[in-house]
């Protein structure tokens, strides 16, 4: 969101923070259901040699819940400088704890953020090369999109392994009342 949009939002009594809080909360609850049935015996599974292993994919989903804290505390993430260090988990319990911990950080971050701060700039870089540039608000929207995207991938991994898939935005084919 560019800074010229903020006055328009205020004029129309629209605020982004309540929506971000709600959406991250909803995505957390949905992801929690996916992680509750995570199959530890399938950590190394991947449907194709170019696909991520299941534990790495699930870990990445959990990590994304911590992005808002990073976004609000920094102006950029520089991969070349080593700003990002991936997390490596080995168990369902570690995965669930990472999700809970990172969601709590996001909750606290969003509770301590102002609408005006959302218009700040944030980028992902590889040294001097800018890979993507956002407002802090649009970077958080990107994070929400990434959660949805990667959780859908995890759902495919589950389906290919006959693991019941939880509904994300309504019941799934594996749930009653479908």
C-alpha atoms as a PDB file:
ATOM      1  CA  UNK A   1       0.000   0.000   0.000  1.00  0.00           C
ATOM      2  CA  UNK A   2       1.532   3.312  -0.880  1.00  0.00           C
ATOM      3  CA  UNK A   3       1.314   6.213   1.541  1.00  0.00           C
ATOM      4  CA  UNK A   4      -1.241   8.014  -0.645  1.00  0.00           C
ATOM      5  CA  UNK A   5      -3.747   5.239   0.090  1.00  0.00           C
ATOM      6  CA  UNK A   6      -3.621   5.660   3.889  1.00  0.00           C
ATOM      7  CA  UNK A   7      -5.630   8.927   3.944  1.00  0.00           C
ATOM      8  CA  UNK A   8      -8.250   7.327   1.691  1.00  0.00           C
ATOM      9  CA  UNK A   9      -8.518   4.309   4.008  1.00  0.00           C
ATOM     10  CA  UNK A  10      -8.899   6.568   7.039  1.00  0.00           C
ATOM     11  CA  UNK A  11     -11.448   8.728   5.229  1.00  0.00           C
ATOM     12  CA  UNK A  12     -13.497   5.615   4.518  1.00  0.00           C
ATOM     13  CA  UNK A  13     -12.905   4.347   8.066  1.00  0.00           C
ATOM     14  CA  UNK A  14     -11.016   1.323   6.757  1.00  0.00           C
ATOM     15  CA  UNK A  15      -8.090  -0.014   8.667  1.00  0.00           C
ATOM     16  CA  UNK A  16      -5.720  -2.722   7.553  1.00  0.00           C
ATOM     17  CA  UNK A  17      -4.488  -3.930  10.943  1.00  0.00           C
ATOM     18  CA  UNK A  18      -7.764  -5.474  12.136  1.00  0.00           C
ATOM     19  CA  UNK A  19      -7.993  -7.348   8.841  1.00  0.00           C
ATOM     20  CA  UNK A  20      -4.381  -8.554   9.047  1.00  0.00           C
ATOM     21  CA  UNK A  21      -4.921  -9.730  12.635  1.00  0.00           C
ATOM     22  CA  UNK A  22      -8.048 -11.628  11.616  1.00  0.00           C
ATOM     23  CA  UNK A  23      -6.470 -13.193   8.539  1.00  0.00           C
ATOM     24  CA  UNK A  24      -3.300 -14.320  10.311  1.00  0.00           C
ATOM     25  CA  UNK A  25      -5.482 -15.782  13.071  1.00  0.00           C
ATOM     26  CA  UNK A  26      -7.631 -17.675  10.593  1.00  0.00           C
ATOM     27  CA  UNK A  27      -4.613 -18.954   8.664  1.00  0.00           C
ATOM     28  CA  UNK A  28      -3.000 -20.037  11.949  1.00  0.00           C
ATOM     29  CA  UNK A  29      -6.091 -22.050  12.952  1.00  0.00           C
ATOM     30  CA  UNK A  30      -6.266 -23.711   9.540  1.00  0.00           C
ATOM     31  CA  UNK A  31      -2.541 -24.487   9.476  1.00  0.00           C
ATOM     32  CA  UNK A  32      -2.766 -25.890  12.990  1.00  0.00           C
ATOM     33  CA  UNK A  33      -5.320 -28.459  11.727  1.00  0.00           C
ATOM     34  CA  UNK A  34      -2.912 -29.460   8.942  1.00  0.00           C
ATOM     35  CA  UNK A  35      -0.035 -29.832  11.396  1.00  0.00           C
ATOM     36  CA  UNK A  36      -2.176 -31.858  13.844  1.00  0.00           C
ATOM     37  CA  UNK A  37      -2.209 -34.708  11.300  1.00  0.00           C
ATOM     38  CA  UNK A  38       1.368 -34.235  10.106  1.00  0.00           C
ATOM     39  CA  UNK A  39       2.913 -37.697   9.469  1.00  0.00           C
ATOM     40  CA  UNK A  40       6.411 -37.835  10.991  1.00  0.00           C
ATOM     41  CA  UNK A  41       7.151 -41.019   9.111  1.00  0.00           C
ATOM     42  CA  UNK A  42       6.886 -39.035   5.855  1.00  0.00           C
ATOM     43  CA  UNK A  43       9.449 -36.297   6.639  1.00  0.00           C
ATOM     44  CA  UNK A  44      11.565 -37.249   3.615  1.00  0.00           C
ATOM     45  CA  UNK A  45       8.629 -37.656   1.210  1.00  0.00           C
ATOM     46  CA  UNK A  46       8.506 -35.495  -1.888  1.00  0.00           C
ATOM     47  CA  UNK A  47       6.342 -36.122  -4.944  1.00  0.00           C
ATOM     48  CA  UNK A  48       9.085 -35.206  -7.399  1.00  0.00           C
ATOM     49  CA  UNK A  49      12.870 -34.821  -7.243  1.00  0.00           C
ATOM     50  CA  UNK A  50      12.478 -31.046  -7.699  1.00  0.00           C
ATOM     51  CA  UNK A  51       9.916 -30.814  -4.885  1.00  0.00           C
ATOM     52  CA  UNK A  52      10.759 -29.948  -1.293  1.00  0.00           C
ATOM     53  CA  UNK A  53      10.738 -32.724   1.271  1.00  0.00           C
ATOM     54  CA  UNK A  54       7.555 -32.709   3.349  1.00  0.00           C
ATOM     55  CA  UNK A  55       9.260 -31.615   6.594  1.00  0.00           C
ATOM     56  CA  UNK A  56      11.013 -28.734   4.821  1.00  0.00           C
ATOM     57  CA  UNK A  57       7.752 -27.589   3.231  1.00  0.00           C
ATOM     58  CA  UNK A  58       5.866 -27.746   6.539  1.00  0.00           C
ATOM     59  CA  UNK A  59       8.719 -25.946   8.335  1.00  0.00           C
ATOM     60  CA  UNK A  60       8.663 -23.200   5.717  1.00  0.00           C
ATOM     61  CA  UNK A  61       4.921 -22.730   6.261  1.00  0.00           C
ATOM     62  CA  UNK A  62       5.482 -22.384  10.015  1.00  0.00           C
ATOM     63  CA  UNK A  63       8.339 -19.911   9.442  1.00  0.00           C
ATOM     64  CA  UNK A  64       6.156 -17.633   7.351  1.00  0.00           C
ATOM     65  CA  UNK A  65       4.056 -16.926  10.426  1.00  0.00           C
ATOM     66  CA  UNK A  66       7.120 -15.126  11.811  1.00  0.00           C
ATOM     67  CA  UNK A  67       7.580 -12.875   8.773  1.00  0.00           C
ATOM     68  CA  UNK A  68       5.499  -9.924  10.059  1.00  0.00           C
ATOM     69  CA  UNK A  69       7.936  -9.439  12.941  1.00  0.00           C
ATOM     70  CA  UNK A  70      10.860  -9.385  10.493  1.00  0.00           C
ATOM     71  CA  UNK A  71       9.008  -7.086   8.116  1.00  0.00           C
ATOM     72  CA  UNK A  72       8.150  -4.562  10.812  1.00  0.00           C
ATOM     73  CA  UNK A  73      11.609  -4.574  12.442  1.00  0.00           C
ATOM     74  CA  UNK A  74      13.678  -4.263   9.255  1.00  0.00           C
ATOM     75  CA  UNK A  75      13.716  -2.464   5.919  1.00  0.00           C
ATOM     76  CA  UNK A  76      14.899  -5.463   3.935  1.00  0.00           C
ATOM     77  CA  UNK A  77      15.896  -9.092   3.959  1.00  0.00           C
ATOM     78  CA  UNK A  78      19.219  -9.633   2.212  1.00  0.00           C
ATOM     79  CA  UNK A  79      19.838 -13.264   1.354  1.00  0.00           C
ATOM     80  CA  UNK A  80      23.448 -12.537   0.313  1.00  0.00           C
ATOM     81  CA  UNK A  81      24.184 -11.031   3.735  1.00  0.00           C
ATOM     82  CA  UNK A  82      22.843 -14.143   5.469  1.00  0.00           C
ATOM     83  CA  UNK A  83      19.775 -12.355   6.886  1.00  0.00           C
ATOM     84  CA  UNK A  84      17.766 -15.531   6.352  1.00  0.00           C
ATOM     85  CA  UNK A  85      18.823 -18.719   8.091  1.00  0.00           C
ATOM     86  CA  UNK A  86      16.414 -21.590   7.495  1.00  0.00           C
ATOM     87  CA  UNK A  87      15.030 -23.546  10.399  1.00  0.00           C
ATOM     88  CA  UNK A  88      15.464 -27.319  10.423  1.00  0.00           C
ATOM     89  CA  UNK A  89      12.901 -29.367  12.328  1.00  0.00           C
ATOM     90  CA  UNK A  90      12.557 -33.113  12.690  1.00  0.00           C
ATOM     91  CA  UNK A  91       9.293 -33.823  14.471  1.00  0.00           C
ATOM     92  CA  UNK A  92       5.624 -32.954  14.531  1.00  0.00           C
ATOM     93  CA  UNK A  93       6.024 -31.508  18.030  1.00  0.00           C
ATOM     94  CA  UNK A  94       8.839 -29.193  16.849  1.00  0.00           C
ATOM     95  CA  UNK A  95       6.715 -28.157  13.881  1.00  0.00           C
ATOM     96  CA  UNK A  96       3.717 -27.363  16.084  1.00  0.00           C
ATOM     97  CA  UNK A  97       5.891 -25.404  18.526  1.00  0.00           C
ATOM     98  CA  UNK A  98       7.472 -23.383  15.706  1.00  0.00           C
ATOM     99  CA  UNK A  99       4.016 -22.549  14.335  1.00  0.00           C
ATOM    100  CA  UNK A 100       2.752 -21.495  17.771  1.00  0.00           C
ATOM    101  CA  UNK A 101       5.871 -19.469  18.623  1.00  0.00           C
ATOM    102  CA  UNK A 102       5.970 -17.637  15.302  1.00  0.00           C
ATOM    103  CA  UNK A 103       2.237 -16.931  15.347  1.00  0.00           C
ATOM    104  CA  UNK A 104       2.556 -15.460  18.856  1.00  0.00           C
ATOM    105  CA  UNK A 105       5.350 -13.183  17.579  1.00  0.00           C
ATOM    106  CA  UNK A 106       3.108 -12.063  14.729  1.00  0.00           C
ATOM    107  CA  UNK A 107       0.213 -11.448  17.067  1.00  0.00           C
ATOM    108  CA  UNK A 108       2.382  -9.316  19.329  1.00  0.00           C
ATOM    109  CA  UNK A 109       3.891  -7.473  16.337  1.00  0.00           C
ATOM    110  CA  UNK A 110       0.491  -6.643  14.865  1.00  0.00           C
ATOM    111  CA  UNK A 111      -0.776  -5.520  18.282  1.00  0.00           C
ATOM    112  CA  UNK A 112       2.139  -3.073  18.492  1.00  0.00           C
ATOM    113  CA  UNK A 113       2.010  -1.750  14.918  1.00  0.00           C
ATOM    114  CA  UNK A 114       0.252   1.391  13.725  1.00  0.00           C
ATOM    115  CA  UNK A 115      -1.560   1.881  10.433  1.00  0.00           C
ATOM    116  CA  UNK A 116       1.048   4.481   9.453  1.00  0.00           C
ATOM    117  CA  UNK A 117       3.903   2.016   9.944  1.00  0.00           C
ATOM    118  CA  UNK A 118       2.343  -0.274   7.340  1.00  0.00           C
ATOM    119  CA  UNK A 119       3.197   2.216   4.599  1.00  0.00           C
ATOM    120  CA  UNK A 120       6.952   1.847   5.226  1.00  0.00           C
ATOM    121  CA  UNK A 121       9.049   0.227   2.514  1.00  0.00           C
ATOM    122  CA  UNK A 122      10.450  -3.298   2.682  1.00  0.00           C
ATOM    123  CA  UNK A 123      12.372  -5.388   0.171  1.00  0.00           C
ATOM    124  CA  UNK A 124      13.956  -8.759  -0.408  1.00  0.00           C
ATOM    125  CA  UNK A 125      17.453  -8.490  -1.831  1.00  0.00           C
ATOM    126  CA  UNK A 126      20.323 -10.585  -3.041  1.00  0.00           C
ATOM    127  CA  UNK A 127      23.062  -8.123  -2.246  1.00  0.00           C
ATOM    128  CA  UNK A 128      22.503  -5.038  -4.390  1.00  0.00           C
ATOM    129  CA  UNK A 129      19.894  -6.800  -6.537  1.00  0.00           C
ATOM    130  CA  UNK A 130      16.328  -6.110  -5.378  1.00  0.00           C
ATOM    131  CA  UNK A 131      14.298  -9.284  -5.787  1.00  0.00           C
ATOM    132  CA  UNK A 132      10.992  -7.779  -4.645  1.00  0.00           C
ATOM    133  CA  UNK A 133       9.913  -4.476  -3.165  1.00  0.00           C
ATOM    134  CA  UNK A 134       6.803  -3.871  -1.105  1.00  0.00           C
ATOM    135  CA  UNK A 135       5.166  -1.644   1.425  1.00  0.00           C
ATOM    136  CA  UNK A 136       5.210  -3.347   4.807  1.00  0.00           C
ATOM    137  CA  UNK A 137       1.485  -3.926   4.389  1.00  0.00           C
ATOM    138  CA  UNK A 138       1.869  -5.571   0.977  1.00  0.00           C
ATOM    139  CA  UNK A 139       4.779  -7.677   2.287  1.00  0.00           C
ATOM    140  CA  UNK A 140       2.416  -9.054   4.949  1.00  0.00           C
ATOM    141  CA  UNK A 141      -0.239  -9.707   2.314  1.00  0.00           C
ATOM    142  CA  UNK A 142       2.446 -11.569   0.369  1.00  0.00           C
ATOM    143  CA  UNK A 143       3.178 -13.638   3.494  1.00  0.00           C
ATOM    144  CA  UNK A 144      -0.499 -14.555   3.799  1.00  0.00           C
ATOM    145  CA  UNK A 145      -0.509 -15.589   0.133  1.00  0.00           C
ATOM    146  CA  UNK A 146       2.603 -17.713   0.712  1.00  0.00           C
ATOM    147  CA  UNK A 147       0.963 -19.494   3.655  1.00  0.00           C
ATOM    148  CA  UNK A 148      -2.051 -20.353   1.501  1.00  0.00           C
ATOM    149  CA  UNK A 149       0.067 -21.422  -1.464  1.00  0.00           C
ATOM    150  CA  UNK A 150       2.425 -23.678   0.471  1.00  0.00           C
ATOM    151  CA  UNK A 151      -0.322 -25.168   2.647  1.00  0.00           C
ATOM    152  CA  UNK A 152      -2.130 -26.156  -0.565  1.00  0.00           C
ATOM    153  CA  UNK A 153       1.077 -27.878  -1.675  1.00  0.00           C
ATOM    154  CA  UNK A 154       1.183 -29.704   1.658  1.00  0.00           C
ATOM    155  CA  UNK A 155      -2.428 -30.764   1.074  1.00  0.00           C
ATOM    156  CA  UNK A 156      -1.366 -32.373  -2.204  1.00  0.00           C
ATOM    157  CA  UNK A 157       1.453 -34.208  -0.400  1.00  0.00           C
ATOM    158  CA  UNK A 158      -1.122 -35.432   2.131  1.00  0.00           C
ATOM    159  CA  UNK A 159      -3.555 -36.522  -0.578  1.00  0.00           C
ATOM    160  CA  UNK A 160      -0.816 -38.472  -2.398  1.00  0.00           C
ATOM    161  CA  UNK A 161      -0.106 -40.312   0.880  1.00  0.00           C
ATOM    162  CA  UNK A 162      -3.761 -40.991   1.795  1.00  0.00           C
ATOM    163  CA  UNK A 163      -3.606 -38.569   4.731  1.00  0.00           C
ATOM    164  CA  UNK A 164      -6.959 -36.828   5.314  1.00  0.00           C
ATOM    165  CA  UNK A 165      -6.841 -33.189   4.235  1.00  0.00           C
ATOM    166  CA  UNK A 166      -8.442 -30.604   6.492  1.00  0.00           C
ATOM    167  CA  UNK A 167     -10.663 -27.994   4.941  1.00  0.00           C
ATOM    168  CA  UNK A 168      -9.111 -24.572   4.532  1.00  0.00           C
ATOM    169  CA  UNK A 169     -12.048 -22.384   3.498  1.00  0.00           C
ATOM    170  CA  UNK A 170     -14.890 -24.809   3.981  1.00  0.00           C
ATOM    171  CA  UNK A 171     -15.061 -28.580   4.276  1.00  0.00           C
ATOM    172  CA  UNK A 172     -12.695 -30.802   2.334  1.00  0.00           C
ATOM    173  CA  UNK A 173     -13.622 -34.039   0.611  1.00  0.00           C
ATOM    174  CA  UNK A 174     -12.308 -35.827   3.724  1.00  0.00           C
ATOM    175  CA  UNK A 175     -14.611 -34.049   6.149  1.00  0.00           C
ATOM    176  CA  UNK A 176     -18.256 -34.701   6.970  1.00  0.00           C
ATOM    177  CA  UNK A 177     -21.030 -32.592   5.537  1.00  0.00           C
ATOM    178  CA  UNK A 178     -19.281 -32.196   2.210  1.00  0.00           C
END
